[in-house]
N, C-alpha and C. Protein backbone atom coordinates (compact mmCIF):
# COMPACT_ATOMS: atom_id res chain seq x y z
N MET A 1 -4.03 9.27 -29.65
CA MET A 1 -4.22 8.62 -28.37
C MET A 1 -2.82 8.70 -27.55
N SER A 2 -2.55 8.90 -26.15
CA SER A 2 -1.07 9.09 -25.89
C SER A 2 -0.58 7.83 -25.92
N GLN A 3 1.01 7.44 -25.81
CA GLN A 3 1.51 6.32 -26.44
C GLN A 3 1.02 5.29 -24.69
N ARG A 4 1.20 6.39 -23.29
CA ARG A 4 0.82 5.13 -22.62
C ARG A 4 -0.45 4.95 -22.64
N ALA A 5 -2.08 5.81 -23.07
CA ALA A 5 -3.67 5.08 -23.14
C ALA A 5 -3.47 4.22 -23.75
N GLU A 6 -2.72 3.87 -24.92
CA GLU A 6 -2.95 3.24 -26.01
C GLU A 6 -1.48 1.63 -25.20
N ARG A 7 -1.10 1.88 -24.76
CA ARG A 7 -0.14 0.84 -23.94
C ARG A 7 -0.74 -0.36 -22.28
N ASP A 8 -1.59 1.06 -21.86
CA ASP A 8 -3.42 0.74 -20.91
C ASP A 8 -3.93 -0.14 -21.78
N LYS A 9 -4.34 0.02 -23.07
CA LYS A 9 -5.35 -0.43 -23.63
C LYS A 9 -4.92 -1.69 -24.11
N VAL A 10 -4.02 -2.65 -24.11
CA VAL A 10 -2.88 -3.85 -24.35
C VAL A 10 -3.43 -4.46 -22.86
N ARG A 11 -3.78 -6.03 -23.48
CA ARG A 11 -3.68 -6.99 -22.00
C ARG A 11 -2.03 -7.62 -22.56
N VAL A 12 -1.71 -7.63 -21.11
CA VAL A 12 -0.64 -8.40 -21.35
C VAL A 12 -0.74 -9.91 -20.00
N ASN A 13 -1.22 -10.81 -20.58
CA ASN A 13 -0.76 -12.22 -19.99
C ASN A 13 0.51 -12.58 -19.51
N ILE A 14 1.10 -12.58 -18.93
CA ILE A 14 2.62 -13.63 -18.63
C ILE A 14 2.53 -14.41 -16.88
N ALA A 15 3.28 -15.11 -17.15
CA ALA A 15 3.02 -15.71 -15.42
C ALA A 15 4.59 -15.39 -15.45
N VAL A 16 5.09 -15.20 -14.17
CA VAL A 16 5.83 -14.79 -13.45
C VAL A 16 5.89 -15.93 -12.24
N LYS A 17 7.41 -16.01 -11.74
CA LYS A 17 7.57 -17.38 -10.89
C LYS A 17 8.21 -16.33 -9.94
N ILE A 18 7.46 -16.65 -8.55
CA ILE A 18 8.04 -15.80 -6.96
C ILE A 18 9.38 -16.81 -6.83
N ILE A 19 10.25 -16.29 -6.30
CA ILE A 19 11.34 -16.96 -5.96
C ILE A 19 12.34 -16.45 -5.34
N SER A 20 13.16 -16.92 -4.61
CA SER A 20 13.62 -16.65 -3.00
C SER A 20 15.24 -15.70 -3.37
N PHE A 21 15.51 -15.24 -2.66
CA PHE A 21 15.94 -13.72 -3.13
C PHE A 21 16.22 -13.47 -1.58
N GLY A 22 18.07 -14.04 -1.40
CA GLY A 22 17.89 -14.12 0.20
C GLY A 22 17.24 -14.04 1.56
N ASP A 23 16.89 -13.32 2.45
CA ASP A 23 15.92 -13.63 3.25
C ASP A 23 14.53 -12.94 2.60
N SER A 24 13.90 -12.73 1.67
CA SER A 24 13.21 -12.29 0.84
C SER A 24 12.32 -13.18 -0.53
N ALA A 25 11.34 -12.43 -0.78
CA ALA A 25 10.42 -12.83 -2.22
C ALA A 25 11.21 -12.63 -3.15
N ALA A 26 10.71 -12.39 -4.65
CA ALA A 26 11.15 -11.96 -5.65
C ALA A 26 10.30 -12.38 -6.44
N ILE A 27 10.29 -11.50 -7.54
CA ILE A 27 9.36 -12.08 -9.30
C ILE A 27 10.46 -11.67 -10.17
N VAL A 28 10.96 -12.23 -10.86
CA VAL A 28 11.95 -11.99 -12.86
C VAL A 28 10.65 -11.35 -13.57
N LEU A 29 10.94 -9.98 -13.82
CA LEU A 29 9.80 -9.65 -14.87
C LEU A 29 10.52 -9.58 -16.28
N PRO A 30 10.02 -10.77 -16.71
CA PRO A 30 10.52 -10.65 -18.66
C PRO A 30 10.75 -8.99 -18.93
N ASP A 31 11.67 -8.80 -20.16
CA ASP A 31 12.07 -8.07 -21.10
C ASP A 31 10.36 -7.81 -21.40
N GLU A 32 10.27 -8.39 -22.22
CA GLU A 32 8.88 -8.59 -23.05
C GLU A 32 7.83 -7.07 -21.97
N LEU A 33 7.80 -8.22 -20.52
CA LEU A 33 6.75 -7.17 -20.12
C LEU A 33 7.83 -6.16 -19.56
N LEU A 34 8.19 -5.64 -19.27
CA LEU A 34 9.19 -4.27 -18.76
C LEU A 34 9.30 -3.48 -20.60
N ALA A 35 9.06 -3.72 -21.20
CA ALA A 35 9.19 -2.52 -22.57
C ALA A 35 7.52 -2.61 -22.90
N HIS A 36 6.88 -3.13 -21.94
CA HIS A 36 5.04 -2.89 -22.52
C HIS A 36 5.04 -1.77 -21.06
N PHE A 37 6.15 -2.02 -20.23
CA PHE A 37 5.54 -0.94 -19.13
C PHE A 37 7.19 0.57 -19.41
N GLY A 38 7.41 0.19 -20.22
CA GLY A 38 8.49 1.03 -20.20
C GLY A 38 9.84 1.29 -19.69
N ALA A 39 9.94 0.53 -18.48
CA ALA A 39 10.16 0.63 -17.55
C ALA A 39 11.84 -0.76 -17.74
N GLY A 40 12.72 -0.11 -17.02
CA GLY A 40 13.61 -1.32 -16.83
C GLY A 40 14.45 -0.98 -15.51
N VAL A 41 15.75 -2.01 -15.76
CA VAL A 41 16.43 -1.87 -14.16
C VAL A 41 16.68 -1.14 -13.95
N GLY A 42 16.55 -0.84 -12.22
CA GLY A 42 17.08 0.66 -11.50
C GLY A 42 15.56 1.70 -11.54
N ASP A 43 14.49 1.17 -12.62
CA ASP A 43 13.19 1.74 -12.15
C ASP A 43 12.32 1.28 -10.91
N THR A 44 11.17 2.58 -10.66
CA THR A 44 10.64 2.11 -10.05
C THR A 44 9.17 1.39 -10.05
N LEU A 45 8.79 0.25 -9.83
CA LEU A 45 7.24 -0.21 -10.31
C LEU A 45 6.92 0.18 -8.83
N HIS A 46 5.79 0.30 -9.06
CA HIS A 46 4.47 0.33 -7.76
C HIS A 46 3.36 -0.42 -7.82
N VAL A 47 3.08 -1.10 -6.79
CA VAL A 47 2.59 -2.29 -6.66
C VAL A 47 1.18 -1.94 -5.65
N THR A 48 -0.54 -2.34 -6.44
CA THR A 48 -1.64 -1.77 -5.60
C THR A 48 -2.20 -3.02 -5.68
N ALA A 49 -2.58 -3.13 -4.80
CA ALA A 49 -3.68 -4.21 -4.14
C ALA A 49 -5.00 -3.91 -4.81
N VAL A 50 -5.59 -4.83 -5.58
CA VAL A 50 -6.82 -4.36 -6.21
C VAL A 50 -7.78 -5.83 -6.46
N PRO A 51 -8.76 -4.94 -6.52
CA PRO A 51 -9.69 -6.76 -5.74
C PRO A 51 -9.78 -7.65 -6.56
N GLY A 52 -8.98 -8.65 -6.95
CA GLY A 52 -8.95 -10.15 -7.94
C GLY A 52 -7.39 -9.93 -7.41
N GLY A 53 -6.67 -9.40 -7.19
CA GLY A 53 -5.23 -9.27 -7.22
C GLY A 53 -4.74 -8.13 -7.25
N LEU A 54 -3.10 -8.11 -8.14
CA LEU A 54 -2.13 -7.27 -7.74
C LEU A 54 -2.20 -5.88 -9.41
N ARG A 55 -2.27 -4.36 -9.42
CA ARG A 55 -1.93 -3.90 -9.96
C ARG A 55 -0.48 -3.47 -10.08
N LEU A 56 0.31 -3.14 -11.11
CA LEU A 56 1.79 -2.91 -11.67
C LEU A 56 1.75 -2.06 -12.40
N THR A 57 2.74 -0.64 -11.64
CA THR A 57 2.58 0.18 -12.66
C THR A 57 3.56 1.02 -12.53
N THR A 58 3.85 2.05 -13.40
CA THR A 58 5.49 2.92 -13.54
C THR A 58 4.91 4.15 -12.68
N SER A 59 3.53 5.15 -12.42
CA SER A 59 3.77 5.43 -11.80
C SER A 59 3.37 5.98 -10.06
N ASP A 60 3.65 6.31 -9.31
CA ASP A 60 2.71 6.32 -8.17
C ASP A 60 1.28 6.61 -7.94
N PRO A 61 0.73 5.87 -7.85
CA PRO A 61 -1.22 6.06 -7.62
C PRO A 61 -1.50 7.01 -6.85
N ALA A 62 -0.69 7.73 -5.41
CA ALA A 62 -1.16 8.69 -4.64
C ALA A 62 -0.89 9.77 -5.20
N PHE A 63 0.30 10.01 -6.11
CA PHE A 63 1.28 11.73 -6.39
C PHE A 63 -0.25 11.55 -7.63
N ALA A 64 -0.31 10.62 -8.24
CA ALA A 64 -2.25 10.98 -9.55
C ALA A 64 -2.63 11.29 -8.74
N GLU A 65 -3.62 10.74 -7.74
CA GLU A 65 -4.69 10.40 -6.42
C GLU A 65 -3.94 12.59 -6.75
N ASN A 66 -3.56 13.15 -6.13
CA ASN A 66 -3.31 14.38 -5.05
C ASN A 66 -3.10 14.91 -6.11
N LEU A 67 -2.53 14.72 -7.45
CA LEU A 67 -2.41 15.97 -8.67
C LEU A 67 -3.94 15.92 -9.07
N ALA A 68 -4.99 15.08 -9.10
CA ALA A 68 -5.97 15.49 -9.77
C ALA A 68 -7.11 15.85 -8.41
N VAL A 69 -6.76 15.74 -7.21
CA VAL A 69 -7.54 17.34 -6.28
C VAL A 69 -7.27 18.03 -6.40
N ALA A 70 -5.65 18.18 -6.43
CA ALA A 70 -5.39 19.80 -6.61
C ALA A 70 -5.57 20.22 -8.11
N ASP A 71 -5.67 19.61 -9.08
CA ASP A 71 -6.44 20.13 -10.62
C ASP A 71 -7.81 20.15 -10.32
N ARG A 72 -9.06 19.95 -9.05
CA ARG A 72 -10.13 19.96 -8.55
C ARG A 72 -10.44 20.75 -8.14
N ILE A 73 -9.77 21.46 -6.92
CA ILE A 73 -9.34 23.25 -5.91
C ILE A 73 -8.28 24.00 -7.42
N ILE A 74 -8.00 24.05 -7.96
CA ILE A 74 -7.46 24.97 -9.32
C ILE A 74 -8.94 25.15 -9.40
N ALA A 75 -10.17 24.45 -9.92
CA ALA A 75 -10.53 24.74 -11.48
C ALA A 75 -11.23 24.94 -10.32
N GLU A 76 -12.23 24.71 -9.24
CA GLU A 76 -12.81 25.65 -7.91
C GLU A 76 -12.46 26.55 -7.98
N ASP A 77 -11.39 27.39 -7.22
CA ASP A 77 -11.06 27.92 -6.88
C ASP A 77 -10.51 29.18 -7.04
N ARG A 78 -10.46 29.40 -9.15
CA ARG A 78 -9.35 29.88 -9.72
C ARG A 78 -9.26 31.16 -9.32
N GLY A 79 -10.97 31.78 -9.37
CA GLY A 79 -10.90 33.18 -8.68
C GLY A 79 -10.35 33.76 -7.68
N VAL A 80 -10.37 33.11 -5.89
CA VAL A 80 -10.14 33.04 -4.74
C VAL A 80 -8.68 33.01 -5.19
N LEU A 81 -8.17 31.97 -6.03
CA LEU A 81 -5.84 31.85 -5.78
C LEU A 81 -5.47 32.68 -7.36
N GLY A 82 -6.55 33.55 -7.70
CA GLY A 82 -6.12 34.35 -8.42
C GLY A 82 -5.24 35.62 -7.58
N LYS A 83 -7.15 36.19 -6.16
CA LYS A 83 -6.81 37.10 -5.63
C LYS A 83 -5.44 36.68 -4.73
N LEU A 84 -4.77 35.58 -4.30
CA LEU A 84 -4.19 34.85 -3.56
C LEU A 84 -2.76 35.37 -3.72
N ALA A 85 -2.60 35.28 -5.45
CA ALA A 85 -1.46 35.73 -6.55
C ALA A 85 -0.85 36.82 -5.89
N GLU A 86 -2.04 37.63 -6.59
CA GLU A 86 -1.75 39.59 -6.47
C GLU A 86 -0.75 39.84 -5.41
């Protein structure tokens, strides 16, 4: 099993507080949580609204969805794509 799959199986429950940051709001992510994601200062995290809360990921969900669609099209139309490549 990949390291990411192992990480996704582990449930982490850490409370974070929303703080004021200039004219915005921010949350401080503890080192333990960043280590769980394999993320650090300067990395980009993606927040997705899901039923019951928010999902925080290190990968862009839209990119992953587009990649899955491309994989399906390639699998379905392999012959046509092969002809176009000639």
